[in-house]
Amino acid sequence: MGEDRWNAGVTMMQIADPGRWRGVVDAWQLARDNAEAIGQCAEAARTAGVDQQCTITVKAPAAPAQ
């Protein structure tokens, strides 16, 4: 593959199961977009010692280009 191991793994996942790879990318994007809220919620759970319910934002899909 001629790439570093990380990119080689990504390429293999994309080829092996494109749908599941899309799920990985979507989950990463959701976590990245909500990193601050997730961090605050995790800290609240740590401080309280109990599970917390938190609010995140899920972006609407972009409209397809015409």
C-alpha atoms as a PDB file:
ATOM      1  CA  MET A   1       0.000   0.000   0.000  1.00  0.00           C
ATOM      2  CA  GLY A   2       2.958   2.315   0.429  1.00  0.00           C
ATOM      3  CA  GLU A   3       1.239   4.305   3.189  1.00  0.00           C
ATOM      4  CA  ASP A   4       1.749   4.561   6.891  1.00  0.00           C
ATOM      5  CA  ARG A   5      -0.082   1.928   8.923  1.00  0.00           C
ATOM      6  CA  TRP A   6      -2.894   4.250  10.020  1.00  0.00           C
ATOM      7  CA  ASN A   7      -3.794   5.249   6.457  1.00  0.00           C
ATOM      8  CA  ALA A   8      -3.375   1.687   5.257  1.00  0.00           C
ATOM      9  CA  GLY A   9      -5.889   0.557   7.897  1.00  0.00           C
ATOM     10  CA  VAL A  10      -8.305   3.299   6.872  1.00  0.00           C
ATOM     11  CA  THR A  11      -8.030   2.250   3.246  1.00  0.00           C
ATOM     12  CA  MET A  12      -8.682  -1.393   4.128  1.00  0.00           C
ATOM     13  CA  MET A  13     -11.768  -0.471   6.185  1.00  0.00           C
ATOM     14  CA  GLN A  14     -13.129   1.742   3.406  1.00  0.00           C
ATOM     15  CA  ILE A  15     -12.755  -1.055   0.861  1.00  0.00           C
ATOM     16  CA  ALA A  16     -13.897  -3.922   3.090  1.00  0.00           C
ATOM     17  CA  ASP A  17     -17.146  -2.319   4.260  1.00  0.00           C
ATOM     18  CA  PRO A  18     -17.914   1.186   2.994  1.00  0.00           C
ATOM     19  CA  GLY A  19     -21.179   1.404   4.975  1.00  0.00           C
ATOM     20  CA  ARG A  20     -19.549   0.578   8.286  1.00  0.00           C
ATOM     21  CA  TRP A  21     -16.689   2.940   7.473  1.00  0.00           C
ATOM     22  CA  ARG A  22     -19.268   5.718   6.921  1.00  0.00           C
ATOM     23  CA  GLY A  23     -20.620   4.899  10.395  1.00  0.00           C
ATOM     24  CA  VAL A  24     -17.143   5.283  11.900  1.00  0.00           C
ATOM     25  CA  VAL A  25     -16.683   8.630  10.160  1.00  0.00           C
ATOM     26  CA  ASP A  26     -20.140   9.848  11.222  1.00  0.00           C
ATOM     27  CA  ALA A  27     -19.536   8.847  14.862  1.00  0.00           C
ATOM     28  CA  TRP A  28     -16.156  10.590  14.860  1.00  0.00           C
ATOM     29  CA  GLN A  29     -17.719  13.739  13.407  1.00  0.00           C
ATOM     30  CA  LEU A  30     -20.507  13.704  16.022  1.00  0.00           C
ATOM     31  CA  ALA A  31     -17.974  13.346  18.838  1.00  0.00           C
ATOM     32  CA  ARG A  32     -15.716  16.035  17.377  1.00  0.00           C
ATOM     33  CA  ASP A  33     -18.586  18.473  16.885  1.00  0.00           C
ATOM     34  CA  ASN A  34     -19.686  17.943  20.484  1.00  0.00           C
ATOM     35  CA  ALA A  35     -16.309  17.558  22.190  1.00  0.00           C
ATOM     36  CA  GLU A  36     -16.852  20.453  24.582  1.00  0.00           C
ATOM     37  CA  ALA A  37     -20.320  19.278  25.679  1.00  0.00           C
ATOM     38  CA  ILE A  38     -19.104  15.697  26.031  1.00  0.00           C
ATOM     39  CA  GLY A  39     -16.112  16.821  28.105  1.00  0.00           C
ATOM     40  CA  GLN A  40     -18.321  18.893  30.411  1.00  0.00           C
ATOM     41  CA  CYS A  41     -20.740  16.008  30.793  1.00  0.00           C
ATOM     42  CA  ALA A  42     -17.938  13.558  31.535  1.00  0.00           C
ATOM     43  CA  GLU A  43     -16.603  15.925  34.191  1.00  0.00           C
ATOM     44  CA  ALA A  44     -20.086  16.260  35.707  1.00  0.00           C
ATOM     45  CA  ALA A  45     -20.396  12.460  35.848  1.00  0.00           C
ATOM     46  CA  ARG A  46     -16.965  12.149  37.433  1.00  0.00           C
ATOM     47  CA  THR A  47     -17.733  14.833  40.009  1.00  0.00           C
ATOM     48  CA  ALA A  48     -21.215  13.530  40.858  1.00  0.00           C
ATOM     49  CA  GLY A  49     -20.218   9.890  40.741  1.00  0.00           C
ATOM     50  CA  VAL A  50     -23.382   9.024  38.814  1.00  0.00           C
ATOM     51  CA  ASP A  51     -24.407   8.829  35.186  1.00  0.00           C
ATOM     52  CA  GLN A  52     -25.380  12.117  33.572  1.00  0.00           C
ATOM     53  CA  GLN A  53     -27.746  12.945  30.728  1.00  0.00           C
ATOM     54  CA  CYS A  54     -26.290  15.514  28.388  1.00  0.00           C
ATOM     55  CA  THR A  55     -27.408  17.493  25.374  1.00  0.00           C
ATOM     56  CA  ILE A  56     -25.494  17.395  22.112  1.00  0.00           C
ATOM     57  CA  THR A  57     -26.135  18.936  18.699  1.00  0.00           C
ATOM     58  CA  VAL A  58     -26.641  16.748  15.651  1.00  0.00           C
ATOM     59  CA  LYS A  59     -26.109  18.666  12.430  1.00  0.00           C
ATOM     60  CA  ALA A  60     -28.622  18.278   9.626  1.00  0.00           C
ATOM     61  CA  PRO A  61     -27.178  16.627   6.532  1.00  0.00           C
ATOM     62  CA  ALA A  62     -25.996  19.015   3.868  1.00  0.00           C
ATOM     63  CA  ALA A  63     -28.284  19.401   0.893  1.00  0.00           C
ATOM     64  CA  PRO A  64     -26.935  17.679  -2.210  1.00  0.00           C
ATOM     65  CA  ALA A  65     -25.296  19.960  -4.757  1.00  0.00           C
ATOM     66  CA  GLN A  66     -27.415  20.632  -7.810  1.00  0.00           C
END
